[in-house]
Every structure is written in C-alpha cells, then in structure tokens.
Amino acid sequence: GLLALALLAAYRLYLRWGARIGPGGAARQGEAAALPRMKRRDFSLEQLREFDGARNPRILLAVNGKVFDVTKGSKFYGPEGPYGIFAGRDASRGLATFCLDKDALRDEYDDLSDLNAVQMESVREWEMQFKEKYDYVGRLLKPGEEPSEYTDEEDTKDHTKQE
C-alpha cells in the first residue's frame, strides 16, 4: 500500500513537472547546462530579446538595469516556465508590480520613473536576489548609450567573486 502511494505521488509529480518540459525540452535543458559561462557585455533591449530560451538556449533577463543569465533556472524562466514571459526582457516592472501579464512588459526602454517607493524597493530586492543566485552578465543599455568595454580580467574577477 505504501509503495503504491509512493508510485502514485511520483507519477503525479512527473505529470506536473515532466509534462512542462515537453518534447525536446529535456534535450534543451541539457544543452543549456552545457553552455560555457557568458562573457560580460551590455545589451540593448533588441539584443536581450534574442536570449528568450526559444531562439537561443541561453536565457537572460534584466532587473533594474542589470542583465542576468538565468539559464540554470530554465524550468522557471524558459518558454514553458511560470516566469517565461520575462525571458529575454526587462522584468523590472513585472517583478515590482507582481504582474505576470504582457502589460508588465514594455517594448521600449522603461526608466521605471512612475513606480512608487514600495515598488522601487521591491525591484532592488529582486535585483539582490538575482545577483545572489545568477550570473550578472552586463547592463541593459538606455537608448543611445554606448556599451562598456569589459576586460577578461574584470570578467573573471567578477565571476569568481560571485561563486
């Protein structure tokens, strides 16, 4: 009886999480895990959109002007994940307002100037959480802003500091 109960629980977990991966999803997750660490660079919104987990196995998102590689969290941020809407986008407004709808995403640079103090504090808290859990890979560029030139030494130093 206990064994049957355990098997039923395992089967339900498989249906819930295994089905989300979908056909080829396991291969995509394996491919993503094998990706080398990304070199530091800055991104325009257009460049960031390429890293949505569908066109490219690497998944990036921006929070408060900083871009993070969330590929290792692909079950959350991948195309089938609950936060997949943020992949390849600036997630700041959605995280600040706890909104997972397309309405929380802007197609142009979002300076977040209309957010209140509580929402801005929420954005900063999310930024700190992402900084602790994921690799910081660069900045989200404002329109007309030039990307920074990162040296290999800066890149290596920052990556080892995070680990």
C-alpha atoms as a PDB file:
ATOM      1  CA  GLY A   1       0.000   0.000   0.000  1.00  0.00           C
ATOM      2  CA  LEU A   2       2.810   2.396   0.878  1.00  0.00           C
ATOM      3  CA  LEU A   3       4.670   1.528  -2.309  1.00  0.00           C
ATOM      4  CA  ALA A   4       1.556   2.161  -4.407  1.00  0.00           C
ATOM      5  CA  LEU A   5       1.089   5.533  -2.704  1.00  0.00           C
ATOM      6  CA  ALA A   6       4.706   6.476  -3.371  1.00  0.00           C
ATOM      7  CA  LEU A   7       4.392   5.457  -7.027  1.00  0.00           C
ATOM      8  CA  LEU A   8       1.192   7.498  -7.387  1.00  0.00           C
ATOM      9  CA  ALA A   9       2.908  10.559  -5.882  1.00  0.00           C
ATOM     10  CA  ALA A  10       5.896  10.125  -8.221  1.00  0.00           C
ATOM     11  CA  TYR A  11       3.566   9.773 -11.208  1.00  0.00           C
ATOM     12  CA  ARG A  12       1.686  12.961 -10.277  1.00  0.00           C
ATOM     13  CA  LEU A  13       4.958  14.867  -9.924  1.00  0.00           C
ATOM     14  CA  TYR A  14       6.036  13.590 -13.321  1.00  0.00           C
ATOM     15  CA  LEU A  15       2.751  14.729 -14.874  1.00  0.00           C
ATOM     16  CA  ARG A  16       3.022  18.128 -13.277  1.00  0.00           C
ATOM     17  CA  TRP A  17       6.701  18.881 -13.971  1.00  0.00           C
ATOM     18  CA  GLY A  18       7.661  16.400 -16.693  1.00  0.00           C
ATOM     19  CA  ALA A  19       4.866  17.479 -18.998  1.00  0.00           C
ATOM     20  CA  ARG A  20       6.029  21.098 -18.756  1.00  0.00           C
ATOM     21  CA  ILE A  21       9.351  20.203 -20.280  1.00  0.00           C
ATOM     22  CA  GLY A  22       7.567  18.903 -23.374  1.00  0.00           C
ATOM     23  CA  PRO A  23       9.066  17.166 -26.408  1.00  0.00           C
ATOM     24  CA  GLY A  24      12.726  18.001 -26.761  1.00  0.00           C
ATOM     25  CA  GLY A  25      12.631  20.002 -23.521  1.00  0.00           C
ATOM     26  CA  ALA A  26      14.950  17.653 -21.665  1.00  0.00           C
ATOM     27  CA  ALA A  27      17.453  17.909 -24.503  1.00  0.00           C
ATOM     28  CA  ARG A  28      17.111  21.700 -24.420  1.00  0.00           C
ATOM     29  CA  GLN A  29      17.775  21.746 -20.661  1.00  0.00           C
ATOM     30  CA  GLY A  30      20.842  19.522 -21.134  1.00  0.00           C
ATOM     31  CA  GLU A  31      22.074  21.776 -23.928  1.00  0.00           C
ATOM     32  CA  ALA A  32      21.602  24.843 -21.719  1.00  0.00           C
ATOM     33  CA  ALA A  33      23.529  23.255 -18.833  1.00  0.00           C
ATOM     34  CA  ALA A  34      26.470  22.594 -21.154  1.00  0.00           C
ATOM     35  CA  LEU A  35      26.770  26.242 -22.220  1.00  0.00           C
ATOM     36  CA  PRO A  36      30.011  27.988 -21.272  1.00  0.00           C
ATOM     37  CA  ARG A  37      29.869  30.954 -18.918  1.00  0.00           C
ATOM     38  CA  MET A  38      28.876  34.054 -20.850  1.00  0.00           C
ATOM     39  CA  LYS A  39      31.437  36.812 -21.284  1.00  0.00           C
ATOM     40  CA  ARG A  40      30.482  40.178 -19.821  1.00  0.00           C
ATOM     41  CA  ARG A  41      28.791  42.589 -22.249  1.00  0.00           C
ATOM     42  CA  ASP A  42      25.999  45.135 -22.355  1.00  0.00           C
ATOM     43  CA  PHE A  43      22.681  44.685 -24.160  1.00  0.00           C
ATOM     44  CA  SER A  44      20.117  46.809 -25.912  1.00  0.00           C
ATOM     45  CA  LEU A  45      16.503  45.669 -25.486  1.00  0.00           C
ATOM     46  CA  GLU A  46      16.612  44.252 -29.006  1.00  0.00           C
ATOM     47  CA  GLN A  47      19.773  42.238 -28.281  1.00  0.00           C
ATOM     48  CA  LEU A  48      18.324  40.983 -24.988  1.00  0.00           C
ATOM     49  CA  ARG A  49      15.226  39.592 -26.747  1.00  0.00           C
ATOM     50  CA  GLU A  50      17.381  37.044 -28.603  1.00  0.00           C
ATOM     51  CA  PHE A  51      18.002  35.239 -25.287  1.00  0.00           C
ATOM     52  CA  ASP A  52      14.448  34.086 -24.591  1.00  0.00           C
ATOM     53  CA  GLY A  53      15.137  30.356 -24.347  1.00  0.00           C
ATOM     54  CA  ALA A  54      13.273  29.629 -27.586  1.00  0.00           C
ATOM     55  CA  ARG A  55      15.586  31.070 -30.258  1.00  0.00           C
ATOM     56  CA  ASN A  56      18.668  30.553 -28.136  1.00  0.00           C
ATOM     57  CA  PRO A  57      19.143  28.001 -25.319  1.00  0.00           C
ATOM     58  CA  ARG A  58      20.608  30.727 -23.086  1.00  0.00           C
ATOM     59  CA  ILE A  59      18.054  32.717 -21.107  1.00  0.00           C
ATOM     60  CA  LEU A  60      18.751  36.266 -19.969  1.00  0.00           C
ATOM     61  CA  LEU A  61      16.578  38.835 -18.259  1.00  0.00           C
ATOM     62  CA  ALA A  62      17.124  42.319 -16.903  1.00  0.00           C
ATOM     63  CA  VAL A  63      16.271  43.655 -13.460  1.00  0.00           C
ATOM     64  CA  ASN A  64      16.861  47.293 -12.572  1.00  0.00           C
ATOM     65  CA  GLY A  65      19.233  47.861 -15.484  1.00  0.00           C
ATOM     66  CA  LYS A  66      21.306  44.737 -14.855  1.00  0.00           C
ATOM     67  CA  VAL A  67      21.251  41.647 -17.075  1.00  0.00           C
ATOM     68  CA  PHE A  68      21.415  38.179 -15.522  1.00  0.00           C
ATOM     69  CA  ASP A  69      21.940  34.757 -17.072  1.00  0.00           C
ATOM     70  CA  VAL A  70      19.039  32.710 -15.662  1.00  0.00           C
ATOM     71  CA  THR A  71      19.644  29.691 -17.906  1.00  0.00           C
ATOM     72  CA  LYS A  72      20.143  27.383 -14.926  1.00  0.00           C
ATOM     73  CA  GLY A  73      16.617  28.352 -13.844  1.00  0.00           C
ATOM     74  CA  SER A  74      15.136  27.392 -17.219  1.00  0.00           C
ATOM     75  CA  LYS A  75      12.288  25.452 -15.615  1.00  0.00           C
ATOM     76  CA  PHE A  76      11.114  28.823 -14.246  1.00  0.00           C
ATOM     77  CA  TYR A  77      12.248  31.262 -16.950  1.00  0.00           C
ATOM     78  CA  GLY A  78      12.161  29.041 -20.027  1.00  0.00           C
ATOM     79  CA  PRO A  79       9.381  29.175 -22.647  1.00  0.00           C
ATOM     80  CA  GLU A  80       7.187  26.761 -20.673  1.00  0.00           C
ATOM     81  CA  GLY A  81       8.057  28.105 -17.217  1.00  0.00           C
ATOM     82  CA  PRO A  82       5.784  30.155 -14.975  1.00  0.00           C
ATOM     83  CA  TYR A  83       8.026  33.228 -15.437  1.00  0.00           C
ATOM     84  CA  GLY A  84       8.832  32.549 -19.099  1.00  0.00           C
ATOM     85  CA  ILE A  85       7.194  35.841 -20.043  1.00  0.00           C
ATOM     86  CA  PHE A  86      10.262  37.625 -18.614  1.00  0.00           C
ATOM     87  CA  ALA A  87      12.837  35.688 -20.682  1.00  0.00           C
ATOM     88  CA  GLY A  88      14.778  37.996 -22.961  1.00  0.00           C
ATOM     89  CA  ARG A  89      13.058  41.033 -21.476  1.00  0.00           C
ATOM     90  CA  ASP A  90      13.324  43.679 -18.773  1.00  0.00           C
ATOM     91  CA  ALA A  91      11.434  42.029 -15.907  1.00  0.00           C
ATOM     92  CA  SER A  92      11.681  45.002 -13.515  1.00  0.00           C
ATOM     93  CA  ARG A  93       8.134  46.346 -13.854  1.00  0.00           C
ATOM     94  CA  GLY A  94       6.537  42.892 -13.710  1.00  0.00           C
ATOM     95  CA  LEU A  95       8.503  41.949 -10.606  1.00  0.00           C
ATOM     96  CA  ALA A  96       7.809  45.311  -8.926  1.00  0.00           C
ATOM     97  CA  THR A  97       4.067  45.092  -9.531  1.00  0.00           C
ATOM     98  CA  PHE A  98       3.776  41.291  -9.180  1.00  0.00           C
ATOM     99  CA  CYS A  99       2.256  41.177 -12.643  1.00  0.00           C
ATOM    100  CA  LEU A 100       2.937  38.236 -14.983  1.00  0.00           C
ATOM    101  CA  ASP A 101       0.958  39.686 -17.900  1.00  0.00           C
ATOM    102  CA  LYS A 102       2.210  41.189 -21.152  1.00  0.00           C
ATOM    103  CA  ASP A 103       1.013  44.536 -19.709  1.00  0.00           C
ATOM    104  CA  ALA A 104       4.000  44.500 -17.361  1.00  0.00           C
ATOM    105  CA  LEU A 105       6.431  44.423 -20.288  1.00  0.00           C
ATOM    106  CA  ARG A 106       7.481  47.404 -22.340  1.00  0.00           C
ATOM    107  CA  ASP A 107       8.810  47.245 -25.872  1.00  0.00           C
ATOM    108  CA  GLU A 108      10.873  50.371 -25.314  1.00  0.00           C
ATOM    109  CA  TYR A 109      13.332  51.208 -22.542  1.00  0.00           C
ATOM    110  CA  ASP A 110      11.482  51.549 -19.223  1.00  0.00           C
ATOM    111  CA  ASP A 111      13.034  54.006 -16.773  1.00  0.00           C
ATOM    112  CA  LEU A 112      10.581  52.901 -14.041  1.00  0.00           C
ATOM    113  CA  SER A 113      10.093  56.565 -13.039  1.00  0.00           C
ATOM    114  CA  ASP A 114       6.362  56.089 -12.448  1.00  0.00           C
ATOM    115  CA  LEU A 115       6.841  53.344  -9.846  1.00  0.00           C
ATOM    116  CA  ASN A 116       6.221  54.290  -6.217  1.00  0.00           C
ATOM    117  CA  ALA A 117       8.793  53.897  -3.414  1.00  0.00           C
ATOM    118  CA  VAL A 118       7.486  50.476  -2.322  1.00  0.00           C
ATOM    119  CA  GLN A 119       7.635  49.157  -5.882  1.00  0.00           C
ATOM    120  CA  MET A 120      11.174  50.519  -6.394  1.00  0.00           C
ATOM    121  CA  GLU A 121      12.281  48.864  -3.165  1.00  0.00           C
ATOM    122  CA  SER A 122      10.785  45.623  -4.477  1.00  0.00           C
ATOM    123  CA  VAL A 123      12.810  45.993  -7.699  1.00  0.00           C
ATOM    124  CA  ARG A 124      16.005  46.467  -5.668  1.00  0.00           C
ATOM    125  CA  GLU A 125      15.211  43.398  -3.563  1.00  0.00           C
ATOM    126  CA  TRP A 126      14.628  41.319  -6.710  1.00  0.00           C
ATOM    127  CA  GLU A 127      17.919  42.613  -8.116  1.00  0.00           C
ATOM    128  CA  MET A 128      19.757  41.452  -4.976  1.00  0.00           C
ATOM    129  CA  GLN A 129      18.124  38.012  -5.184  1.00  0.00           C
ATOM    130  CA  PHE A 130      19.128  37.613  -8.822  1.00  0.00           C
ATOM    131  CA  LYS A 131      22.654  38.810  -8.012  1.00  0.00           C
ATOM    132  CA  GLU A 132      22.986  36.095  -5.352  1.00  0.00           C
ATOM    133  CA  LYS A 133      21.581  33.280  -7.472  1.00  0.00           C
ATOM    134  CA  TYR A 134      22.529  34.009 -11.102  1.00  0.00           C
ATOM    135  CA  ASP A 135      25.498  35.322 -13.075  1.00  0.00           C
ATOM    136  CA  TYR A 136      25.495  39.053 -13.749  1.00  0.00           C
ATOM    137  CA  VAL A 137      26.444  39.372 -17.424  1.00  0.00           C
ATOM    138  CA  GLY A 138      26.138  43.095 -18.158  1.00  0.00           C
ATOM    139  CA  ARG A 139      23.971  46.177 -18.210  1.00  0.00           C
ATOM    140  CA  LEU A 140      20.759  46.972 -20.048  1.00  0.00           C
ATOM    141  CA  LEU A 141      21.569  49.952 -22.233  1.00  0.00           C
ATOM    142  CA  LYS A 142      19.433  53.070 -22.347  1.00  0.00           C
ATOM    143  CA  PRO A 143      18.641  54.367 -25.845  1.00  0.00           C
ATOM    144  CA  GLY A 144      21.758  55.995 -27.319  1.00  0.00           C
ATOM    145  CA  GLU A 145      24.016  54.673 -24.540  1.00  0.00           C
ATOM    146  CA  GLU A 146      27.259  53.042 -25.643  1.00  0.00           C
ATOM    147  CA  PRO A 147      28.231  49.595 -24.311  1.00  0.00           C
ATOM    148  CA  SER A 148      31.127  49.298 -21.885  1.00  0.00           C
ATOM    149  CA  GLU A 149      34.322  47.523 -22.860  1.00  0.00           C
ATOM    150  CA  TYR A 150      34.975  44.735 -20.372  1.00  0.00           C
ATOM    151  CA  THR A 151      38.401  43.183 -19.967  1.00  0.00           C
ATOM    152  CA  ASP A 152      38.892  39.458 -19.454  1.00  0.00           C
ATOM    153  CA  GLU A 153      40.363  40.275 -16.045  1.00  0.00           C
ATOM    154  CA  GLU A 154      37.202  42.150 -14.936  1.00  0.00           C
ATOM    155  CA  ASP A 155      35.048  39.329 -16.242  1.00  0.00           C
ATOM    156  CA  THR A 156      36.999  36.613 -14.422  1.00  0.00           C
ATOM    157  CA  LYS A 157      37.266  38.602 -11.182  1.00  0.00           C
ATOM    158  CA  ASP A 158      33.500  39.233 -11.052  1.00  0.00           C
ATOM    159  CA  HIS A 159      32.621  35.621 -11.820  1.00  0.00           C
ATOM    160  CA  THR A 160      34.932  34.221  -9.149  1.00  0.00           C
ATOM    161  CA  LYS A 161      33.654  36.774  -6.630  1.00  0.00           C
ATOM    162  CA  GLN A 162      30.091  35.512  -7.158  1.00  0.00           C
ATOM    163  CA  GLU A 163      30.904  31.865  -6.581  1.00  0.00           C
END
